Amino acid sequence: MNGAESLVRTLLAGEVDVCFTNPGTSEMHFCAALDKIDGMHCVLCLFEGVVTGAADGYGRMSDKPASTLLHLGPGLGNGLSNLHNAKKARTLGLSLTGLELLLIQSPLLLMQPRRLLPHGHTPAQFQH
């Protein structure tokens, strides 16, 4: 079992059995786990605003929590207004967002680039 499969099993154990998604390539392991493990219903949406709005609507109508899978930080940004609405309505849910390791070329970050990298890695390993 990998981390993505463990996360899906944890969601199911918490009675979260639907995930509204707008995945990118960085979330493919989680998408594979959604397909592999029985009990989780995956709903593919075309835009993060739809993902978060659908999860909020599902939670309000069913009185059950839903999860969302958003693509990186910009995807989270696209869905924030609906996540705000869900918070105000006290809708239960969990939002997952993919993570991308980026080396930003700025003077402040170049002074201590190792602080941004996983232990034991060097900037050269992540350059394109």
N, C-alpha and C. Protein backbone atom coordinates (compact mmCIF):
# COMPACT_ATOMS: atom_id res chain seq x y z
N MET A 1 0.85 -1.17 0.00
CA MET A 1 0.00 0.00 0.00
C MET A 1 0.90 1.24 0.00
N ASN A 2 0.56 2.20 -0.86
CA ASN A 2 1.33 3.45 -0.89
C ASN A 2 0.57 4.55 -0.14
N GLY A 3 1.13 5.74 -0.09
CA GLY A 3 0.53 6.83 0.66
C GLY A 3 -0.83 7.24 0.13
N ALA A 4 -1.00 7.24 -1.19
CA ALA A 4 -2.29 7.62 -1.78
C ALA A 4 -3.38 6.63 -1.39
N GLU A 5 -3.05 5.34 -1.43
CA GLU A 5 -4.02 4.32 -1.05
C GLU A 5 -4.36 4.43 0.43
N SER A 6 -3.36 4.72 1.24
CA SER A 6 -3.58 4.90 2.67
C SER A 6 -4.51 6.09 2.94
N LEU A 7 -4.34 7.16 2.18
CA LEU A 7 -5.19 8.33 2.33
C LEU A 7 -6.64 8.01 1.96
N VAL A 8 -6.84 7.28 0.87
CA VAL A 8 -8.21 6.90 0.47
C VAL A 8 -8.85 6.02 1.54
N ARG A 9 -8.10 5.08 2.06
CA ARG A 9 -8.63 4.20 3.13
C ARG A 9 -8.96 5.01 4.39
N THR A 10 -8.15 6.02 4.69
CA THR A 10 -8.41 6.88 5.84
C THR A 10 -9.69 7.69 5.63
N LEU A 11 -9.87 8.21 4.42
CA LEU A 11 -11.10 8.93 4.11
C LEU A 11 -12.32 8.03 4.28
N LEU A 12 -12.24 6.82 3.75
CA LEU A 12 -13.35 5.87 3.88
C LEU A 12 -13.63 5.52 5.33
N ALA A 13 -12.59 5.36 6.12
CA ALA A 13 -12.76 5.06 7.54
C ALA A 13 -13.45 6.22 8.27
N GLY A 14 -13.28 7.44 7.76
CA GLY A 14 -13.94 8.61 8.31
C GLY A 14 -15.28 8.89 7.67
N GLU A 15 -15.81 7.92 6.94
CA GLU A 15 -17.12 8.01 6.27
C GLU A 15 -17.17 9.08 5.19
N VAL A 16 -16.03 9.35 4.56
CA VAL A 16 -15.98 10.23 3.39
C VAL A 16 -15.87 9.30 2.18
N ASP A 17 -16.95 9.19 1.42
CA ASP A 17 -16.97 8.20 0.34
C ASP A 17 -17.16 8.81 -1.05
N VAL A 18 -17.03 10.12 -1.16
CA VAL A 18 -17.10 10.77 -2.47
C VAL A 18 -15.99 11.82 -2.55
N CYS A 19 -15.37 11.89 -3.72
CA CYS A 19 -14.30 12.86 -3.95
C CYS A 19 -14.56 13.56 -5.28
N PHE A 20 -14.76 14.86 -5.24
CA PHE A 20 -14.92 15.67 -6.44
C PHE A 20 -13.52 16.12 -6.85
N THR A 21 -13.16 15.90 -8.11
CA THR A 21 -11.77 16.09 -8.53
C THR A 21 -11.62 16.94 -9.78
N ASN A 22 -10.52 17.65 -9.85
CA ASN A 22 -9.99 18.27 -11.06
C ASN A 22 -8.48 18.08 -11.01
N PRO A 23 -8.03 16.86 -11.29
CA PRO A 23 -6.62 16.54 -11.08
C PRO A 23 -5.71 16.97 -12.23
N GLY A 24 -4.45 17.09 -11.89
CA GLY A 24 -3.40 17.28 -12.88
C GLY A 24 -2.43 16.13 -12.74
N THR A 25 -1.30 16.24 -13.40
CA THR A 25 -0.34 15.13 -13.38
C THR A 25 0.24 14.87 -12.00
N SER A 26 0.33 15.89 -11.16
CA SER A 26 0.92 15.69 -9.83
C SER A 26 -0.01 14.92 -8.89
N GLU A 27 -1.26 14.75 -9.26
CA GLU A 27 -2.22 14.03 -8.42
C GLU A 27 -2.58 12.65 -8.96
N MET A 28 -1.85 12.16 -9.93
CA MET A 28 -2.21 10.89 -10.57
C MET A 28 -2.14 9.68 -9.64
N HIS A 29 -1.23 9.68 -8.68
CA HIS A 29 -1.17 8.55 -7.74
C HIS A 29 -2.44 8.47 -6.92
N PHE A 30 -2.94 9.63 -6.51
CA PHE A 30 -4.19 9.64 -5.74
C PHE A 30 -5.37 9.21 -6.62
N CYS A 31 -5.38 9.65 -7.88
CA CYS A 31 -6.45 9.24 -8.80
C CYS A 31 -6.43 7.73 -9.02
N ALA A 32 -5.25 7.16 -9.15
CA ALA A 32 -5.14 5.70 -9.31
C ALA A 32 -5.67 4.99 -8.07
N ALA A 33 -5.40 5.54 -6.89
CA ALA A 33 -5.90 4.95 -5.64
C ALA A 33 -7.42 5.06 -5.57
N LEU A 34 -7.99 6.17 -6.06
CA LEU A 34 -9.44 6.31 -6.07
C LEU A 34 -10.09 5.21 -6.91
N ASP A 35 -9.46 4.88 -8.04
CA ASP A 35 -9.98 3.82 -8.92
C ASP A 35 -9.76 2.43 -8.34
N LYS A 36 -8.69 2.27 -7.61
CA LYS A 36 -8.29 0.94 -7.15
C LYS A 36 -9.09 0.45 -5.93
N ILE A 37 -9.45 1.37 -5.06
CA ILE A 37 -10.07 1.00 -3.78
C ILE A 37 -11.58 1.12 -3.88
N ASP A 38 -12.27 0.04 -3.55
CA ASP A 38 -13.74 0.01 -3.59
C ASP A 38 -14.31 0.88 -2.48
N GLY A 39 -15.43 1.51 -2.77
CA GLY A 39 -16.14 2.28 -1.77
C GLY A 39 -16.04 3.78 -1.96
N MET A 40 -15.03 4.23 -2.71
CA MET A 40 -14.86 5.67 -2.96
C MET A 40 -15.43 6.00 -4.33
N HIS A 41 -16.33 6.98 -4.37
CA HIS A 41 -16.93 7.42 -5.63
C HIS A 41 -16.21 8.69 -6.07
N CYS A 42 -15.64 8.66 -7.25
CA CYS A 42 -14.88 9.79 -7.79
C CYS A 42 -15.72 10.52 -8.83
N VAL A 43 -15.86 11.85 -8.69
CA VAL A 43 -16.60 12.66 -9.64
C VAL A 43 -15.63 13.64 -10.29
N LEU A 44 -15.39 13.47 -11.59
CA LEU A 44 -14.47 14.34 -12.32
C LEU A 44 -15.19 15.61 -12.76
N CYS A 45 -14.60 16.76 -12.45
CA CYS A 45 -15.17 18.05 -12.82
C CYS A 45 -14.16 18.82 -13.67
N LEU A 46 -14.66 19.76 -14.47
CA LEU A 46 -13.80 20.46 -15.41
C LEU A 46 -13.14 21.73 -14.87
N PHE A 47 -13.55 22.18 -13.69
CA PHE A 47 -13.00 23.42 -13.13
C PHE A 47 -13.08 23.34 -11.61
N GLU A 48 -12.08 23.90 -10.95
CA GLU A 48 -12.00 23.81 -9.49
C GLU A 48 -13.16 24.49 -8.79
N GLY A 49 -13.71 25.54 -9.40
CA GLY A 49 -14.90 26.18 -8.83
C GLY A 49 -16.08 25.23 -8.81
N VAL A 50 -16.19 24.41 -9.84
CA VAL A 50 -17.25 23.40 -9.89
C VAL A 50 -16.98 22.32 -8.84
N VAL A 51 -15.72 21.92 -8.71
CA VAL A 51 -15.34 20.89 -7.73
C VAL A 51 -15.77 21.30 -6.32
N THR A 52 -15.37 22.50 -5.91
CA THR A 52 -15.66 22.94 -4.55
C THR A 52 -17.14 23.26 -4.36
N GLY A 53 -17.78 23.80 -5.38
CA GLY A 53 -19.22 24.06 -5.29
C GLY A 53 -20.02 22.78 -5.21
N ALA A 54 -19.63 21.78 -5.99
CA ALA A 54 -20.33 20.48 -5.95
C ALA A 54 -20.13 19.79 -4.61
N ALA A 55 -18.93 19.87 -4.06
CA ALA A 55 -18.68 19.26 -2.76
C ALA A 55 -19.50 19.94 -1.66
N ASP A 56 -19.58 21.26 -1.74
CA ASP A 56 -20.40 22.01 -0.77
C ASP A 56 -21.87 21.62 -0.92
N GLY A 57 -22.37 21.59 -2.14
CA GLY A 57 -23.76 21.21 -2.37
C GLY A 57 -24.06 19.79 -1.92
N TYR A 58 -23.14 18.88 -2.22
CA TYR A 58 -23.30 17.49 -1.79
C TYR A 58 -23.37 17.41 -0.26
N GLY A 59 -22.48 18.12 0.40
CA GLY A 59 -22.45 18.11 1.86
C GLY A 59 -23.72 18.68 2.47
N ARG A 60 -24.23 19.75 1.87
CA ARG A 60 -25.46 20.36 2.40
C ARG A 60 -26.67 19.46 2.20
N MET A 61 -26.75 18.82 1.03
CA MET A 61 -27.92 17.98 0.74
C MET A 61 -27.90 16.64 1.46
N SER A 62 -26.72 16.05 1.58
CA SER A 62 -26.63 14.70 2.16
C SER A 62 -26.29 14.71 3.65
N ASP A 63 -25.86 15.85 4.16
CA ASP A 63 -25.39 15.97 5.54
C ASP A 63 -24.24 15.00 5.82
N LYS A 64 -23.43 14.79 4.78
CA LYS A 64 -22.23 13.95 4.88
C LYS A 64 -21.06 14.74 4.33
N PRO A 65 -19.86 14.49 4.82
CA PRO A 65 -18.70 15.20 4.28
C PRO A 65 -18.29 14.66 2.91
N ALA A 66 -17.78 15.56 2.09
CA ALA A 66 -17.21 15.18 0.79
C ALA A 66 -15.76 15.64 0.78
N SER A 67 -14.98 15.07 -0.11
CA SER A 67 -13.60 15.53 -0.27
C SER A 67 -13.44 16.12 -1.66
N THR A 68 -12.44 16.97 -1.80
CA THR A 68 -12.10 17.52 -3.11
C THR A 68 -10.62 17.29 -3.37
N LEU A 69 -10.28 17.13 -4.63
CA LEU A 69 -8.89 17.03 -5.06
C LEU A 69 -8.66 18.13 -6.08
N LEU A 70 -7.81 19.09 -5.72
CA LEU A 70 -7.55 20.25 -6.57
C LEU A 70 -6.12 20.21 -7.08
N HIS A 71 -5.91 20.81 -8.25
CA HIS A 71 -4.59 20.77 -8.90
C HIS A 71 -3.74 21.96 -8.45
N LEU A 72 -2.78 21.67 -7.59
CA LEU A 72 -1.77 22.63 -7.14
C LEU A 72 -2.38 23.89 -6.51
N GLY A 73 -1.55 24.86 -6.23
CA GLY A 73 -1.98 26.10 -5.60
C GLY A 73 -2.98 26.90 -6.42
N PRO A 74 -2.77 27.06 -7.74
CA PRO A 74 -3.75 27.80 -8.53
C PRO A 74 -5.14 27.14 -8.52
N GLY A 75 -5.17 25.82 -8.48
CA GLY A 75 -6.46 25.14 -8.38
C GLY A 75 -7.15 25.43 -7.07
N LEU A 76 -6.37 25.45 -6.00
CA LEU A 76 -6.93 25.81 -4.70
C LEU A 76 -7.45 27.25 -4.75
N GLY A 77 -6.69 28.14 -5.37
CA GLY A 77 -7.13 29.53 -5.50
C GLY A 77 -8.44 29.65 -6.26
N ASN A 78 -8.60 28.86 -7.32
CA ASN A 78 -9.84 28.89 -8.10
C ASN A 78 -11.04 28.41 -7.29
N GLY A 79 -10.82 27.56 -6.30
CA GLY A 79 -11.93 27.03 -5.53
C GLY A 79 -12.17 27.71 -4.20
N LEU A 80 -11.34 28.70 -3.85
CA LEU A 80 -11.42 29.29 -2.51
C LEU A 80 -12.75 29.96 -2.19
N SER A 81 -13.38 30.60 -3.16
CA SER A 81 -14.64 31.29 -2.85
C SER A 81 -15.70 30.28 -2.40
N ASN A 82 -15.77 29.13 -3.05
CA ASN A 82 -16.73 28.11 -2.63
C ASN A 82 -16.34 27.45 -1.32
N LEU A 83 -15.05 27.32 -1.05
CA LEU A 83 -14.61 26.80 0.24
C LEU A 83 -14.98 27.78 1.36
N HIS A 84 -14.90 29.06 1.05
CA HIS A 84 -15.33 30.08 2.01
C HIS A 84 -16.84 29.94 2.29
N ASN A 85 -17.62 29.76 1.23
CA ASN A 85 -19.07 29.59 1.39
C ASN A 85 -19.37 28.34 2.22
N ALA A 86 -18.64 27.26 1.97
CA ALA A 86 -18.85 26.02 2.72
C ALA A 86 -18.53 26.22 4.19
N LYS A 87 -17.49 26.98 4.47
CA LYS A 87 -17.13 27.26 5.87
C LYS A 87 -18.24 28.05 6.55
N LYS A 88 -18.74 29.07 5.87
CA LYS A 88 -19.81 29.89 6.45
C LYS A 88 -21.07 29.05 6.70
N ALA A 89 -21.34 28.07 5.83
CA ALA A 89 -22.51 27.21 5.98
C ALA A 89 -22.25 26.04 6.92
N ARG A 90 -21.00 25.94 7.39
CA ARG A 90 -20.58 24.83 8.27
C ARG A 90 -20.75 23.47 7.60
N THR A 91 -20.49 23.44 6.31
CA THR A 91 -20.52 22.19 5.56
C THR A 91 -19.25 21.40 5.86
N LEU A 92 -19.42 20.12 6.17
CA LEU A 92 -18.26 19.27 6.44
C LEU A 92 -17.57 18.90 5.14
N GLY A 93 -16.26 18.82 5.16
CA GLY A 93 -15.53 18.41 3.97
C GLY A 93 -14.03 18.49 4.18
N LEU A 94 -13.31 17.98 3.22
CA LEU A 94 -11.85 17.96 3.25
C LEU A 94 -11.34 18.26 1.86
N SER A 95 -10.46 19.24 1.74
CA SER A 95 -9.87 19.58 0.44
C SER A 95 -8.43 19.12 0.39
N LEU A 96 -8.08 18.42 -0.67
CA LEU A 96 -6.72 17.96 -0.91
C LEU A 96 -6.17 18.71 -2.12
N THR A 97 -4.93 19.10 -2.03
CA THR A 97 -4.29 19.83 -3.12
C THR A 97 -2.95 19.21 -3.41
N GLY A 98 -2.65 19.03 -4.69
CA GLY A 98 -1.35 18.48 -5.09
C GLY A 98 -0.23 19.43 -4.74
N LEU A 99 0.97 18.91 -4.65
CA LEU A 99 2.14 19.70 -4.30
C LEU A 99 3.17 19.57 -5.41
N GLU A 100 3.73 20.70 -5.80
CA GLU A 100 4.78 20.71 -6.82
C GLU A 100 6.00 21.42 -6.25
N LEU A 101 7.14 20.76 -6.32
CA LEU A 101 8.36 21.36 -5.84
C LEU A 101 8.91 22.30 -6.91
N LEU A 102 9.00 23.55 -6.58
CA LEU A 102 9.52 24.55 -7.51
C LEU A 102 10.72 25.26 -6.89
N LEU A 103 11.71 25.51 -7.69
CA LEU A 103 12.81 26.37 -7.26
C LEU A 103 12.58 27.73 -7.89
N ILE A 104 12.21 28.68 -7.08
CA ILE A 104 11.92 30.02 -7.57
C ILE A 104 13.23 30.79 -7.61
N GLN A 105 13.51 31.38 -8.72
CA GLN A 105 14.76 32.11 -8.89
C GLN A 105 14.61 33.54 -8.37
N SER A 106 14.75 33.72 -7.06
CA SER A 106 14.71 35.07 -6.51
C SER A 106 15.94 35.24 -5.61
N PRO A 107 16.41 36.46 -5.45
CA PRO A 107 17.61 36.68 -4.63
C PRO A 107 17.47 36.15 -3.21
N LEU A 108 16.32 36.30 -2.59
CA LEU A 108 16.15 35.84 -1.22
C LEU A 108 16.24 34.33 -1.12
N LEU A 109 15.67 33.63 -2.06
CA LEU A 109 15.67 32.18 -1.99
C LEU A 109 17.00 31.59 -2.43
N LEU A 110 17.72 32.28 -3.30
CA LEU A 110 19.00 31.76 -3.76
C LEU A 110 20.06 31.82 -2.67
N MET A 111 19.87 32.67 -1.67
CA MET A 111 20.86 32.76 -0.60
C MET A 111 20.90 31.49 0.24
N GLN A 112 19.75 30.85 0.44
CA GLN A 112 19.69 29.63 1.23
C GLN A 112 18.75 28.62 0.56
N PRO A 113 19.08 28.15 -0.63
CA PRO A 113 18.15 27.27 -1.35
C PRO A 113 17.93 25.92 -0.67
N ARG A 114 18.87 25.45 0.12
CA ARG A 114 18.72 24.13 0.73
C ARG A 114 17.55 24.08 1.72
N ARG A 115 17.16 25.21 2.26
CA ARG A 115 16.04 25.23 3.20
C ARG A 115 14.73 24.83 2.51
N LEU A 116 14.63 24.98 1.21
CA LEU A 116 13.40 24.67 0.48
C LEU A 116 13.36 23.24 -0.03
N LEU A 117 14.45 22.54 0.06
CA LEU A 117 14.54 21.21 -0.54
C LEU A 117 14.38 20.12 0.49
N PRO A 118 13.86 18.96 0.07
CA PRO A 118 13.81 17.82 0.98
C PRO A 118 15.21 17.45 1.45
N HIS A 119 15.32 16.91 2.64
CA HIS A 119 16.61 16.56 3.22
C HIS A 119 17.44 15.69 2.26
N GLY A 120 18.67 16.07 2.04
CA GLY A 120 19.59 15.29 1.22
C GLY A 120 19.55 15.59 -0.26
N HIS A 121 18.70 16.53 -0.70
CA HIS A 121 18.60 16.85 -2.12
C HIS A 121 19.34 18.16 -2.41
N THR A 122 19.77 18.31 -3.64
CA THR A 122 20.46 19.52 -4.06
C THR A 122 19.66 20.20 -5.17
N PRO A 123 19.83 21.52 -5.35
CA PRO A 123 19.08 22.21 -6.40
C PRO A 123 19.29 21.62 -7.79
N ALA A 124 20.49 21.11 -8.07
CA ALA A 124 20.76 20.56 -9.40
C ALA A 124 19.85 19.38 -9.74
N GLN A 125 19.36 18.65 -8.74
CA GLN A 125 18.50 17.50 -9.00
C GLN A 125 17.12 17.89 -9.53
N PHE A 126 16.73 19.18 -9.34
CA PHE A 126 15.39 19.60 -9.71
C PHE A 126 15.35 20.57 -10.87
N GLN A 127 16.51 20.91 -11.44
CA GLN A 127 16.54 21.83 -12.56
C GLN A 127 16.12 21.12 -13.84
N HIS A 128 15.41 21.86 -14.71
CA HIS A 128 14.91 21.26 -15.96
C HIS A 128 15.99 21.20 -17.00
